[in-house]
Amino acid sequence: RLYAPRMFIQQILLDPTETVRNISESISYVKDLGFPFILGIFYDMNREDLDAVMMEAYKQEVAGYGKHVWFFAGNEVENNVLGRSFRKGSELQLAYKGSGFLGVGGEYTKQYEQFQSSLKEMKESPKILEFVKSILPNH
């Protein structure tokens, strides 16, 4: 857990490639925390996996009911959501309704791109990936 003045942040490791159960457990944990604002930082998550996360959030009433606001960050998330057409009133449309994106622009764009590149390199190193997984909470 990380603390900032008047702010509480909880990290949850979510790997949709492991199992659907991992998604369900992670969303259940988000629900139990009771936070109204959720920042999902999803790097290299494809559209199907992101939809699976949001559908589970909808199923557990953590998205789509007006009680929670999801913000997304990550190199592919914006491409996987913006410009898409959703059937009005569908569970998927409701799950994404009211969500937003956080990104980096302006003078920090170059540094952010370098940061993303470094993260991708780290992700491709099994040794570094195992270390990062070992220090993150397992929920």
Protein backbone atom coordinates (compact mmCIF):
# COMPACT_ATOMS: atom_id res chain seq x y z
CA ARG A 1 0.00 0.00 0.00
CA LEU A 2 1.17 3.45 -0.86
CA TYR A 3 0.04 6.59 0.92
CA ALA A 4 -0.10 10.21 -0.16
CA PRO A 5 -1.71 13.12 1.66
CA ARG A 6 -5.45 12.38 1.74
CA MET A 7 -5.06 9.69 -0.90
CA PHE A 8 -5.00 5.92 -0.60
CA ILE A 9 -3.63 3.79 -3.40
CA GLN A 10 -3.92 0.02 -3.63
CA GLN A 11 -2.07 -1.93 -6.31
CA ILE A 12 -3.57 -5.10 -7.74
CA LEU A 13 -1.69 -7.34 -10.12
CA LEU A 14 -3.98 -8.49 -12.92
CA ASP A 15 -2.83 -10.91 -15.59
CA PRO A 16 -5.77 -11.95 -17.76
CA THR A 17 -3.59 -14.51 -19.52
CA GLU A 18 -3.42 -16.58 -16.33
CA THR A 19 -7.11 -17.41 -15.88
CA VAL A 20 -10.56 -15.92 -15.90
CA ARG A 21 -10.55 -16.64 -12.16
CA ASN A 22 -7.71 -14.13 -11.77
CA ILE A 23 -9.89 -11.43 -13.35
CA SER A 24 -12.86 -12.32 -11.16
CA GLU A 25 -10.78 -12.34 -7.98
CA SER A 26 -9.09 -9.04 -8.85
CA ILE A 27 -12.40 -7.31 -9.59
CA SER A 28 -13.88 -8.77 -6.40
CA TYR A 29 -10.99 -7.25 -4.48
CA VAL A 30 -11.58 -3.88 -6.18
CA LYS A 31 -15.24 -4.12 -5.16
CA ASP A 32 -14.35 -4.95 -1.56
CA LEU A 33 -12.07 -1.89 -1.36
CA GLY A 34 -15.08 0.30 -2.15
CA PHE A 35 -13.14 2.98 -4.01
CA PRO A 36 -15.30 5.06 -6.35
CA PHE A 37 -12.36 5.88 -8.65
CA ILE A 38 -10.33 3.16 -10.31
CA LEU A 39 -7.19 3.75 -12.38
CA GLY A 40 -6.41 0.77 -14.57
CA ILE A 41 -2.90 0.84 -15.97
CA PHE A 42 -3.02 -1.80 -18.67
CA TYR A 43 0.12 -2.15 -20.79
CA ASP A 44 -0.08 -4.34 -23.88
CA MET A 45 -3.57 -5.57 -22.99
CA ASN A 46 -5.56 -6.51 -26.07
CA ARG A 47 -9.18 -5.54 -26.67
CA GLU A 48 -10.61 -8.95 -25.73
CA ASP A 49 -8.81 -9.03 -22.36
CA LEU A 50 -9.77 -5.44 -21.57
CA ASP A 51 -13.40 -6.22 -22.44
CA ALA A 52 -13.22 -9.28 -20.17
CA VAL A 53 -12.03 -7.08 -17.29
CA MET A 54 -14.79 -4.53 -17.87
CA MET A 55 -17.49 -7.19 -18.30
CA GLU A 56 -16.45 -8.74 -14.99
CA ALA A 57 -16.49 -5.28 -13.39
CA TYR A 58 -20.00 -4.79 -14.76
CA LYS A 59 -21.08 -8.23 -13.55
CA GLN A 60 -19.83 -7.40 -10.04
CA GLU A 61 -21.38 -3.90 -10.22
CA VAL A 62 -18.03 -2.10 -10.13
CA ALA A 63 -18.67 -0.50 -13.54
CA GLY A 64 -21.78 0.60 -15.40
CA TYR A 65 -23.98 1.46 -12.44
CA GLY A 66 -22.90 5.06 -11.84
CA LYS A 67 -21.08 4.29 -8.58
CA HIS A 68 -17.57 3.94 -9.97
CA VAL A 69 -15.46 5.85 -12.46
CA TRP A 70 -12.75 4.00 -14.36
CA PHE A 71 -9.71 5.78 -15.75
CA PHE A 72 -7.39 3.94 -18.10
CA ALA A 73 -3.72 4.39 -18.88
CA GLY A 74 -1.48 2.29 -21.03
CA ASN A 75 -0.06 2.18 -24.48
CA GLU A 76 -2.86 0.22 -26.18
CA VAL A 77 -5.91 0.90 -24.03
CA GLU A 78 -6.88 4.09 -25.79
CA ASN A 79 -6.69 2.34 -29.17
CA ASN A 80 -8.81 -0.53 -27.86
CA VAL A 81 -11.68 1.68 -26.71
CA LEU A 82 -11.77 4.96 -28.64
CA GLY A 83 -13.50 4.86 -31.99
CA ARG A 84 -15.38 1.68 -31.19
CA SER A 85 -19.12 1.35 -31.58
CA PHE A 86 -21.07 -0.23 -28.77
CA ARG A 87 -24.69 -1.30 -28.99
CA LYS A 88 -26.55 1.26 -26.86
CA GLY A 89 -27.65 -0.27 -23.58
CA SER A 90 -25.46 -3.36 -23.98
CA GLU A 91 -23.54 -4.55 -20.93
CA LEU A 92 -20.25 -3.68 -22.62
CA GLN A 93 -21.41 -0.15 -23.46
CA LEU A 94 -22.61 0.35 -19.89
CA ALA A 95 -19.36 -1.04 -18.48
CA TYR A 96 -17.32 1.56 -20.37
CA LYS A 97 -19.82 4.41 -19.94
CA GLY A 98 -18.31 7.32 -18.04
CA SER A 99 -14.76 6.00 -18.22
CA GLY A 100 -11.81 8.16 -19.19
CA PHE A 101 -8.17 8.12 -20.17
CA LEU A 102 -5.04 9.51 -18.59
CA GLY A 103 -2.09 10.16 -20.86
CA VAL A 104 1.08 12.12 -21.16
CA GLY A 105 1.52 14.82 -23.74
CA GLY A 106 3.31 18.04 -24.50
CA GLU A 107 6.88 18.36 -23.34
CA TYR A 108 6.84 14.97 -21.57
CA THR A 109 5.91 12.90 -24.62
CA LYS A 110 9.50 11.90 -25.47
CA GLN A 111 10.31 10.90 -21.88
CA TYR A 112 7.07 8.94 -21.64
CA GLU A 113 7.84 7.06 -24.85
CA GLN A 114 11.28 6.20 -23.47
CA PHE A 115 9.64 5.03 -20.23
CA GLN A 116 7.23 2.83 -22.20
CA SER A 117 10.09 1.38 -24.21
CA SER A 118 11.97 0.55 -21.01
CA LEU A 119 8.90 -1.12 -19.55
CA LYS A 120 8.54 -3.28 -22.67
CA GLU A 121 12.20 -4.30 -22.42
CA MET A 122 11.71 -5.20 -18.76
CA LYS A 123 8.61 -7.22 -19.61
CA GLU A 124 10.63 -9.30 -22.06
CA SER A 125 13.20 -10.20 -19.38
CA PRO A 126 12.01 -13.24 -17.38
CA LYS A 127 14.41 -12.40 -14.54
CA ILE A 128 13.11 -8.84 -14.15
CA LEU A 129 9.49 -9.95 -14.58
CA GLU A 130 9.85 -12.55 -11.80
CA PHE A 131 11.40 -9.91 -9.52
CA VAL A 132 8.57 -7.44 -10.17
CA LYS A 133 5.94 -10.15 -9.57
CA SER A 134 7.69 -11.08 -6.30
CA ILE A 135 7.33 -7.55 -4.87
CA LEU A 136 3.73 -6.92 -5.93
CA PRO A 137 0.83 -7.98 -3.70
CA ASN A 138 -0.83 -11.21 -4.78
CA HIS A 139 -4.63 -11.00 -4.67
